[in-house]
PDB file of all heavy atoms in Angstrom:
ATOM      1  N   LEU A   1       8.897  -2.972   1.031  1.00  0.00           N
ATOM      2  CA  LEU A   1       7.973  -2.009   0.467  1.00  0.00           C
ATOM      3  C   LEU A   1       7.808  -2.251  -1.011  1.00  0.00           C
ATOM      4  O   LEU A   1       6.693  -2.056  -1.556  1.00  0.00           O
ATOM      5  CB  LEU A   1       8.638  -0.582   0.669  1.00  0.00           C
ATOM      6  CG  LEU A   1       8.558  -0.058   2.140  1.00  0.00           C
ATOM      7  CD1 LEU A   1       9.338   1.227   2.217  1.00  0.00           C
ATOM      8  CD2 LEU A   1       7.100   0.011   2.610  1.00  0.00           C
ATOM      9  N   ASP A   2       8.949  -2.585  -1.663  1.00  0.00           N
ATOM     10  CA  ASP A   2       8.838  -2.894  -3.163  1.00  0.00           C
ATOM     11  C   ASP A   2       7.821  -3.960  -3.467  1.00  0.00           C
ATOM     12  O   ASP A   2       6.987  -3.880  -4.352  1.00  0.00           O
ATOM     13  CB  ASP A   2      10.164  -3.179  -3.724  1.00  0.00           C
ATOM     14  CG  ASP A   2      11.066  -1.880  -3.797  1.00  0.00           C
ATOM     15  OD1 ASP A   2      10.542  -0.798  -3.674  1.00  0.00           O
ATOM     16  OD2 ASP A   2      12.338  -2.159  -3.855  1.00  0.00           O
ATOM     17  N   ALA A   3       7.936  -5.003  -2.645  1.00  0.00           N
ATOM     18  CA  ALA A   3       7.006  -6.142  -2.852  1.00  0.00           C
ATOM     19  C   ALA A   3       5.533  -5.765  -2.595  1.00  0.00           C
ATOM     20  O   ALA A   3       4.612  -6.145  -3.358  1.00  0.00           O
ATOM     21  CB  ALA A   3       7.403  -7.387  -1.959  1.00  0.00           C
ATOM     22  N   GLN A   4       5.315  -4.999  -1.559  1.00  0.00           N
ATOM     23  CA  GLN A   4       4.019  -4.532  -1.300  1.00  0.00           C
ATOM     24  C   GLN A   4       3.407  -3.606  -2.400  1.00  0.00           C
ATOM     25  O   GLN A   4       2.286  -3.804  -2.874  1.00  0.00           O
ATOM     26  CB  GLN A   4       3.939  -3.675   0.036  1.00  0.00           C
ATOM     27  CG  GLN A   4       4.120  -4.535   1.295  1.00  0.00           C
ATOM     28  CD  GLN A   4       4.116  -3.750   2.498  1.00  0.00           C
ATOM     29  OE1 GLN A   4       3.193  -2.965   2.781  1.00  0.00           O
ATOM     30  NE2 GLN A   4       5.210  -3.867   3.368  1.00  0.00           N
ATOM     31  N   ARG A   5       4.239  -2.715  -2.885  1.00  0.00           N
ATOM     32  CA  ARG A   5       3.771  -1.827  -3.941  1.00  0.00           C
ATOM     33  C   ARG A   5       3.513  -2.566  -5.207  1.00  0.00           C
ATOM     34  O   ARG A   5       2.559  -2.285  -5.916  1.00  0.00           O
ATOM     35  CB  ARG A   5       4.883  -0.713  -4.206  1.00  0.00           C
ATOM     36  CG  ARG A   5       4.311   0.383  -5.072  1.00  0.00           C
ATOM     37  CD  ARG A   5       5.283   1.537  -5.228  1.00  0.00           C
ATOM     38  NE  ARG A   5       4.671   2.629  -5.832  1.00  0.00           N
ATOM     39  CZ  ARG A   5       4.516   2.808  -7.157  1.00  0.00           C
ATOM     40  NH1 ARG A   5       5.027   1.857  -7.967  1.00  0.00           N
ATOM     41  NH2 ARG A   5       3.949   3.896  -7.647  1.00  0.00           N
ATOM     42  N   ASP A   6       4.413  -3.615  -5.518  1.00  0.00           N
ATOM     43  CA  ASP A   6       4.202  -4.367  -6.688  1.00  0.00           C
ATOM     44  C   ASP A   6       2.796  -5.126  -6.624  1.00  0.00           C
ATOM     45  O   ASP A   6       2.118  -5.159  -7.626  1.00  0.00           O
ATOM     46  CB  ASP A   6       5.393  -5.344  -6.856  1.00  0.00           C
ATOM     47  CG  ASP A   6       5.163  -6.221  -8.105  1.00  0.00           C
ATOM     48  OD1 ASP A   6       5.242  -5.636  -9.197  1.00  0.00           O
ATOM     49  OD2 ASP A   6       5.183  -7.406  -8.010  1.00  0.00           O
ATOM     50  N   ALA A   7       2.570  -5.699  -5.458  1.00  0.00           N
ATOM     51  CA  ALA A   7       1.301  -6.419  -5.312  1.00  0.00           C
ATOM     52  C   ALA A   7       0.137  -5.573  -5.508  1.00  0.00           C
ATOM     53  O   ALA A   7      -0.857  -5.875  -6.176  1.00  0.00           O
ATOM     54  CB  ALA A   7       1.303  -7.105  -3.907  1.00  0.00           C
ATOM     55  N   VAL A   8       0.191  -4.322  -4.949  1.00  0.00           N
ATOM     56  CA  VAL A   8      -0.832  -3.347  -4.997  1.00  0.00           C
ATOM     57  C   VAL A   8      -1.096  -2.915  -6.407  1.00  0.00           C
ATOM     58  O   VAL A   8      -2.258  -2.848  -6.878  1.00  0.00           O
ATOM     59  CB  VAL A   8      -0.607  -2.203  -4.129  1.00  0.00           C
ATOM     60  CG1 VAL A   8      -1.450  -0.988  -4.453  1.00  0.00           C
ATOM     61  CG2 VAL A   8      -0.820  -2.507  -2.617  1.00  0.00           C
ATOM     62  N   MET A   9       0.014  -2.613  -7.194  1.00  0.00           N
ATOM     63  CA  MET A   9      -0.183  -2.112  -8.530  1.00  0.00           C
ATOM     64  C   MET A   9      -0.725  -3.121  -9.425  1.00  0.00           C
ATOM     65  O   MET A   9      -1.521  -2.934 -10.331  1.00  0.00           O
ATOM     66  CB  MET A   9       1.209  -1.559  -9.033  1.00  0.00           C
ATOM     67  CG  MET A   9       1.602  -0.309  -8.320  1.00  0.00           C
ATOM     68  SD  MET A   9       0.326   1.024  -8.390  1.00  0.00           S
ATOM     69  CE  MET A   9       1.018   2.193  -7.157  1.00  0.00           C
ATOM     70  N   ARG A  10      -0.219  -4.456  -9.243  1.00  0.00           N
ATOM     71  CA  ARG A  10      -0.770  -5.534 -10.061  1.00  0.00           C
ATOM     72  C   ARG A  10      -2.263  -5.754  -9.789  1.00  0.00           C
ATOM     73  O   ARG A  10      -2.970  -6.089 -10.761  1.00  0.00           O
ATOM     74  CB  ARG A  10       0.059  -6.863  -9.788  1.00  0.00           C
ATOM     75  CG  ARG A  10       1.436  -6.830 -10.479  1.00  0.00           C
ATOM     76  CD  ARG A  10       2.009  -8.165 -10.405  1.00  0.00           C
ATOM     77  NE  ARG A  10       2.649  -8.482  -9.079  1.00  0.00           N
ATOM     78  CZ  ARG A  10       2.109  -9.236  -8.204  1.00  0.00           C
ATOM     79  NH1 ARG A  10       1.009  -9.974  -8.429  1.00  0.00           N
ATOM     80  NH2 ARG A  10       2.660  -9.437  -7.023  1.00  0.00           N
ATOM     81  N   HIS A  11      -2.661  -5.699  -8.529  1.00  0.00           N
ATOM     82  CA  HIS A  11      -3.979  -5.852  -8.160  1.00  0.00           C
ATOM     83  C   HIS A  11      -4.850  -4.738  -8.815  1.00  0.00           C
ATOM     84  O   HIS A  11      -5.950  -5.012  -9.375  1.00  0.00           O
ATOM     85  CB  HIS A  11      -4.164  -5.836  -6.700  1.00  0.00           C
ATOM     86  CG  HIS A  11      -5.569  -6.099  -6.134  1.00  0.00           C
ATOM     87  ND1 HIS A  11      -6.061  -7.285  -6.087  1.00  0.00           N
ATOM     88  CD2 HIS A  11      -6.539  -5.158  -5.825  1.00  0.00           C
ATOM     89  CE1 HIS A  11      -7.352  -7.265  -5.601  1.00  0.00           C
ATOM     90  NE2 HIS A  11      -7.653  -5.977  -5.482  1.00  0.00           N
ATOM     91  N   ALA A  12      -4.415  -3.519  -8.716  1.00  0.00           N
ATOM     92  CA  ALA A  12      -5.153  -2.398  -9.281  1.00  0.00           C
ATOM     93  C   ALA A  12      -5.259  -2.547 -10.778  1.00  0.00           C
ATOM     94  O   ALA A  12      -6.417  -2.280 -11.372  1.00  0.00           O
ATOM     95  CB  ALA A  12      -4.492  -1.094  -8.959  1.00  0.00           C
ATOM     96  N   ARG A  13      -4.229  -2.924 -11.476  1.00  0.00           N
ATOM     97  CA  ARG A  13      -4.299  -3.101 -12.898  1.00  0.00           C
ATOM     98  C   ARG A  13      -5.281  -4.177 -13.269  1.00  0.00           C
ATOM     99  O   ARG A  13      -6.033  -4.164 -14.257  1.00  0.00           O
ATOM    100  CB  ARG A  13      -2.915  -3.437 -13.499  1.00  0.00           C
ATOM    101  CG  ARG A  13      -1.935  -2.233 -13.514  1.00  0.00           C
ATOM    102  CD  ARG A  13      -0.772  -2.534 -14.511  1.00  0.00           C
ATOM    103  NE  ARG A  13      -0.023  -3.732 -14.026  1.00  0.00           N
ATOM    104  CZ  ARG A  13       1.078  -3.586 -13.091  1.00  0.00           C
ATOM    105  NH1 ARG A  13       1.388  -2.315 -12.743  1.00  0.00           N
ATOM    106  NH2 ARG A  13       1.731  -4.609 -12.755  1.00  0.00           N
ATOM    107  N   SER A  14      -5.310  -5.302 -12.385  1.00  0.00           N
ATOM    108  CA  SER A  14      -6.214  -6.361 -12.801  1.00  0.00           C
ATOM    109  C   SER A  14      -7.651  -5.976 -12.627  1.00  0.00           C
ATOM    110  O   SER A  14      -8.606  -6.616 -13.284  1.00  0.00           O
ATOM    111  CB  SER A  14      -5.962  -7.557 -11.887  1.00  0.00           C
ATOM    112  OG  SER A  14      -6.359  -7.324 -10.510  1.00  0.00           O
ATOM    113  N   ARG A  15      -7.937  -4.957 -11.845  1.00  0.00           N
ATOM    114  CA  ARG A  15      -9.316  -4.460 -11.723  1.00  0.00           C
ATOM    115  C   ARG A  15      -9.592  -3.249 -12.635  1.00  0.00           C
ATOM    116  O   ARG A  15     -10.827  -2.725 -12.559  1.00  0.00           O
ATOM    117  CB  ARG A  15      -9.459  -4.002 -10.224  1.00  0.00           C
ATOM    118  CG  ARG A  15      -9.424  -5.057  -9.199  1.00  0.00           C
ATOM    119  CD  ARG A  15     -10.539  -6.153  -9.383  1.00  0.00           C
ATOM    120  NE  ARG A  15     -10.491  -7.154  -8.363  1.00  0.00           N
ATOM    121  CZ  ARG A  15     -11.101  -7.074  -7.201  1.00  0.00           C
ATOM    122  NH1 ARG A  15     -11.884  -5.967  -6.926  1.00  0.00           N
ATOM    123  NH2 ARG A  15     -11.078  -8.070  -6.320  1.00  0.00           N
ATOM    124  N   GLY A  16      -8.610  -2.859 -13.394  1.00  0.00           N
ATOM    125  CA  GLY A  16      -8.858  -1.706 -14.151  1.00  0.00           C
ATOM    126  C   GLY A  16      -8.997  -0.417 -13.315  1.00  0.00           C
ATOM    127  O   GLY A  16      -9.746   0.539 -13.684  1.00  0.00           O
ATOM    128  N   ALA A  17      -8.416  -0.379 -12.163  1.00  0.00           N
ATOM    129  CA  ALA A  17      -8.612   0.673 -11.174  1.00  0.00           C
ATOM    130  C   ALA A  17      -7.405   1.637 -11.140  1.00  0.00           C
ATOM    131  O   ALA A  17      -6.443   1.318 -11.624  1.00  0.00           O
ATOM    132  CB  ALA A  17      -8.883   0.027  -9.762  1.00  0.00           C
ATOM    133  N   GLU A  18      -7.668   2.778 -10.495  1.00  0.00           N
ATOM    134  CA  GLU A  18      -6.645   3.735 -10.461  1.00  0.00           C
ATOM    135  C   GLU A  18      -6.204   3.911  -8.877  1.00  0.00           C
ATOM    136  O   GLU A  18      -7.065   3.979  -8.019  1.00  0.00           O
ATOM    137  CB  GLU A  18      -7.201   5.159 -10.864  1.00  0.00           C
ATOM    138  CG  GLU A  18      -6.239   6.311 -10.630  1.00  0.00           C
ATOM    139  CD  GLU A  18      -6.904   7.643 -10.963  1.00  0.00           C
ATOM    140  OE1 GLU A  18      -8.191   7.683 -11.186  1.00  0.00           O
ATOM    141  OE2 GLU A  18      -6.134   8.605 -11.017  1.00  0.00           O
ATOM    142  N   VAL A  19      -4.874   4.013  -8.652  1.00  0.00           N
ATOM    143  CA  VAL A  19      -4.434   4.206  -7.321  1.00  0.00           C
ATOM    144  C   VAL A  19      -4.213   5.744  -7.286  1.00  0.00           C
ATOM    145  O   VAL A  19      -3.294   6.299  -7.890  1.00  0.00           O
ATOM    146  CB  VAL A  19      -3.061   3.513  -7.107  1.00  0.00           C
ATOM    147  CG1 VAL A  19      -2.461   3.911  -5.734  1.00  0.00           C
ATOM    148  CG2 VAL A  19      -3.216   2.012  -7.146  1.00  0.00           C
ATOM    149  N   ILE A  20      -5.069   6.365  -6.456  1.00  0.00           N
ATOM    150  CA  ILE A  20      -5.055   7.862  -6.412  1.00  0.00           C
ATOM    151  C   ILE A  20      -4.052   8.450  -5.339  1.00  0.00           C
ATOM    152  O   ILE A  20      -3.695   9.647  -5.453  1.00  0.00           O
ATOM    153  CB  ILE A  20      -6.477   8.451  -6.143  1.00  0.00           C
ATOM    154  CG1 ILE A  20      -7.007   7.977  -4.812  1.00  0.00           C
ATOM    155  CG2 ILE A  20      -7.396   8.003  -7.298  1.00  0.00           C
ATOM    156  CD1 ILE A  20      -8.259   8.644  -4.441  1.00  0.00           C
ATOM    157  N   ALA A  21      -3.631   7.593  -4.412  1.00  0.00           N
ATOM    158  CA  ALA A  21      -2.681   8.085  -3.419  1.00  0.00           C
ATOM    159  C   ALA A  21      -1.979   6.886  -2.802  1.00  0.00           C
ATOM    160  O   ALA A  21      -2.568   5.782  -2.735  1.00  0.00           O
ATOM    161  CB  ALA A  21      -3.416   8.948  -2.326  1.00  0.00           C
ATOM    162  N   GLU A  22      -0.850   7.090  -2.252  1.00  0.00           N
ATOM    163  CA  GLU A  22      -0.013   6.082  -1.666  1.00  0.00           C
ATOM    164  C   GLU A  22       0.592   6.583  -0.348  1.00  0.00           C
ATOM    165  O   GLU A  22       1.039   7.677  -0.292  1.00  0.00           O
ATOM    166  CB  GLU A  22       1.117   5.617  -2.495  1.00  0.00           C
ATOM    167  CG  GLU A  22       0.696   5.039  -3.875  1.00  0.00           C
ATOM    168  CD  GLU A  22       1.840   4.611  -4.764  1.00  0.00           C
ATOM    169  OE1 GLU A  22       2.530   3.632  -4.521  1.00  0.00           O
ATOM    170  OE2 GLU A  22       2.124   5.436  -5.621  1.00  0.00           O
ATOM    171  N   PHE A  23       0.535   5.824   0.675  1.00  0.00           N
ATOM    172  CA  PHE A  23       1.026   6.200   1.973  1.00  0.00           C
ATOM    173  C   PHE A  23       1.919   5.035   2.529  1.00  0.00           C
ATOM    174  O   PHE A  23       1.575   3.906   2.453  1.00  0.00           O
ATOM    175  CB  PHE A  23      -0.186   6.463   3.025  1.00  0.00           C
ATOM    176  CG  PHE A  23      -0.953   7.625   2.627  1.00  0.00           C
ATOM    177  CD1 PHE A  23      -2.017   7.501   1.733  1.00  0.00           C
ATOM    178  CD2 PHE A  23      -0.749   8.850   3.183  1.00  0.00           C
ATOM    179  CE1 PHE A  23      -2.826   8.535   1.355  1.00  0.00           C
ATOM    180  CE2 PHE A  23      -1.504   9.895   2.800  1.00  0.00           C
ATOM    181  CZ  PHE A  23      -2.557   9.786   1.907  1.00  0.00           C
ATOM    182  N   THR A  24       3.072   5.480   3.118  1.00  0.00           N
ATOM    183  CA  THR A  24       3.983   4.470   3.683  1.00  0.00           C
ATOM    184  C   THR A  24       4.245   4.781   5.094  1.00  0.00           C
ATOM    185  O   THR A  24       4.602   5.900   5.497  1.00  0.00           O
ATOM    186  CB  THR A  24       5.329   4.529   2.901  1.00  0.00           C
ATOM    187  OG1 THR A  24       5.147   4.221   1.544  1.00  0.00           O
ATOM    188  CG2 THR A  24       6.315   3.545   3.485  1.00  0.00           C
ATOM    189  N   GLU A  25       4.190   3.716   6.014  1.00  0.00           N
ATOM    190  CA  GLU A  25       4.376   3.868   7.418  1.00  0.00           C
ATOM    191  C   GLU A  25       5.512   2.949   7.834  1.00  0.00           C
ATOM    192  O   GLU A  25       5.594   1.788   7.345  1.00  0.00           O
ATOM    193  CB  GLU A  25       3.115   3.402   8.101  1.00  0.00           C
ATOM    194  CG  GLU A  25       3.011   3.837   9.572  1.00  0.00           C
ATOM    195  CD  GLU A  25       2.032   4.950   9.793  1.00  0.00           C
ATOM    196  OE1 GLU A  25       0.841   4.733   9.575  1.00  0.00           O
ATOM    197  OE2 GLU A  25       2.437   6.113  10.122  1.00  0.00           O
ATOM    198  N   ILE A  26       6.449   3.492   8.625  1.00  0.00           N
ATOM    199  CA  ILE A  26       7.491   2.639   9.297  1.00  0.00           C
ATOM    200  C   ILE A  26       7.131   2.534  10.704  1.00  0.00           C
ATOM    201  O   ILE A  26       7.429   3.453  11.524  1.00  0.00           O
ATOM    202  CB  ILE A  26       8.854   3.300   8.996  1.00  0.00           C
ATOM    203  CG1 ILE A  26       9.076   3.439   7.523  1.00  0.00           C
ATOM    204  CG2 ILE A  26       9.930   2.359   9.665  1.00  0.00           C
ATOM    205  CD1 ILE A  26      10.432   4.134   7.206  1.00  0.00           C
ATOM    206  N   GLU A  27       6.430   1.523  11.064  1.00  0.00           N
ATOM    207  CA  GLU A  27       5.917   1.436  12.410  1.00  0.00           C
ATOM    208  C   GLU A  27       5.629  -0.041  12.755  1.00  0.00           C
ATOM    209  O   GLU A  27       5.197  -0.819  11.848  1.00  0.00           O
ATOM    210  CB  GLU A  27       4.656   2.249  12.615  1.00  0.00           C
ATOM    211  CG  GLU A  27       4.195   2.442  14.034  1.00  0.00           C
ATOM    212  CD  GLU A  27       5.214   3.012  14.961  1.00  0.00           C
ATOM    213  OE1 GLU A  27       5.492   4.213  14.907  1.00  0.00           O
ATOM    214  OE2 GLU A  27       5.872   2.174  15.668  1.00  0.00           O
ATOM    215  N   SER A  28       5.712  -0.349  14.051  1.00  0.00           N
ATOM    216  CA  SER A  28       5.383  -1.804  14.451  1.00  0.00           C
ATOM    217  C   SER A  28       3.861  -1.955  14.335  1.00  0.00           C
ATOM    218  O   SER A  28       3.051  -1.101  14.490  1.00  0.00           O
ATOM    219  CB  SER A  28       5.763  -1.946  15.852  1.00  0.00           C
ATOM    220  OG  SER A  28       5.145  -3.219  16.419  1.00  0.00           O
ATOM    221  N   GLY A  29       3.462  -3.226  13.961  1.00  0.00           N
ATOM    222  CA  GLY A  29       2.067  -3.586  13.839  1.00  0.00           C
ATOM    223  C   GLY A  29       1.414  -3.506  15.235  1.00  0.00           C
ATOM    224  O   GLY A  29       0.133  -3.418  15.273  1.00  0.00           O
ATOM    225  N   ARG A  30       2.082  -3.403  16.307  1.00  0.00           N
ATOM    226  CA  ARG A  30       1.453  -3.328  17.636  1.00  0.00           C
ATOM    227  C   ARG A  30       1.168  -1.877  18.037  1.00  0.00           C
ATOM    228  O   ARG A  30       0.415  -1.599  18.960  1.00  0.00           O
ATOM    229  CB  ARG A  30       2.397  -3.937  18.669  1.00  0.00           C
ATOM    230  CG  ARG A  30       2.594  -5.445  18.567  1.00  0.00           C
ATOM    231  CD  ARG A  30       3.624  -5.890  19.578  1.00  0.00           C
ATOM    232  NE  ARG A  30       3.724  -7.337  19.585  1.00  0.00           N
ATOM    233  CZ  ARG A  30       2.973  -8.214  20.222  1.00  0.00           C
ATOM    234  NH1 ARG A  30       2.025  -7.695  21.075  1.00  0.00           N
ATOM    235  NH2 ARG A  30       3.149  -9.504  20.208  1.00  0.00           N
ATOM    236  N   ASN A  31       1.781  -0.951  17.295  1.00  0.00           N
ATOM    237  CA  ASN A  31       1.530   0.440  17.660  1.00  0.00           C
ATOM    238  C   ASN A  31       0.289   0.962  16.909  1.00  0.00           C
ATOM    239  O   ASN A  31       0.218   0.940  15.710  1.00  0.00           O
ATOM    240  CB  ASN A  31       2.734   1.307  17.241  1.00  0.00           C
ATOM    241  CG  ASN A  31       2.697   2.702  17.836  1.00  0.00           C
ATOM    242  OD1 ASN A  31       1.598   3.143  18.174  1.00  0.00           O
ATOM    243  ND2 ASN A  31       3.801   3.349  17.853  1.00  0.00           N
ATOM    244  N   SER A  32      -0.693   1.435  17.615  1.00  0.00           N
ATOM    245  CA  SER A  32      -1.968   1.944  17.084  1.00  0.00           C
ATOM    246  C   SER A  32      -1.784   3.410  16.615  1.00  0.00           C
ATOM    247  O   SER A  32      -2.824   3.917  15.966  1.00  0.00           O
ATOM    248  CB  SER A  32      -3.092   1.782  18.048  1.00  0.00           C
ATOM    249  OG  SER A  32      -2.873   2.638  19.196  1.00  0.00           O
ATOM    250  N   GLN A  33      -0.718   4.050  16.953  1.00  0.00           N
ATOM    251  CA  GLN A  33      -0.552   5.491  16.474  1.00  0.00           C
ATOM    252  C   GLN A  33       0.083   5.465  15.119  1.00  0.00           C
ATOM    253  O   GLN A  33       1.289   5.366  14.924  1.00  0.00           O
ATOM    254  CB  GLN A  33       0.380   6.218  17.500  1.00  0.00           C
ATOM    255  CG  GLN A  33      -0.102   6.239  18.875  1.00  0.00           C
ATOM    256  CD  GLN A  33      -1.515   6.914  19.039  1.00  0.00           C
ATOM    257  OE1 GLN A  33      -1.713   7.943  18.425  1.00  0.00           O
ATOM    258  NE2 GLN A  33      -2.370   6.246  19.676  1.00  0.00           N
ATOM    259  N   ARG A  34      -0.788   5.606  14.073  1.00  0.00           N
ATOM    260  CA  ARG A  34      -0.390   5.552  12.714  1.00  0.00           C
ATOM    261  C   ARG A  34      -0.794   6.826  11.954  1.00  0.00           C
ATOM    262  O   ARG A  34      -1.847   6.757  11.285  1.00  0.00           O
ATOM    263  CB  ARG A  34      -1.028   4.308  12.065  1.00  0.00           C
ATOM    264  CG  ARG A  34      -0.821   3.053  12.786  1.00  0.00           C
ATOM    265  CD  ARG A  34       0.400   2.345  12.434  1.00  0.00           C
ATOM    266  NE  ARG A  34       0.317   0.941  12.930  1.00  0.00           N
ATOM    267  CZ  ARG A  34      -0.297  -0.027  12.266  1.00  0.00           C
ATOM    268  NH1 ARG A  34      -0.849   0.201  11.117  1.00  0.00           N
ATOM    269  NH2 ARG A  34      -0.447  -1.258  12.844  1.00  0.00           N
ATOM    270  N   PRO A  35       0.052   7.840  11.972  1.00  0.00           N
ATOM    271  CA  PRO A  35      -0.379   9.095  11.203  1.00  0.00           C
ATOM    272  C   PRO A  35      -0.603   8.824   9.721  1.00  0.00           C
ATOM    273  O   PRO A  35      -1.530   9.444   9.135  1.00  0.00           O
ATOM    274  CB  PRO A  35       0.851   9.933  11.504  1.00  0.00           C
ATOM    275  CG  PRO A  35       1.934   9.174  11.930  1.00  0.00           C
ATOM    276  CD  PRO A  35       1.309   8.005  12.661  1.00  0.00           C
TER     277      PRO A  35
END
């Protein structure tokens, strides 16, 4: 999770963009039920 968030924040900063919301899911990639 830390690595993903770091990548997202670095990408947003490089675009001068704002991250307005963050969502975290603990689920298998095979499961399509993703609240």
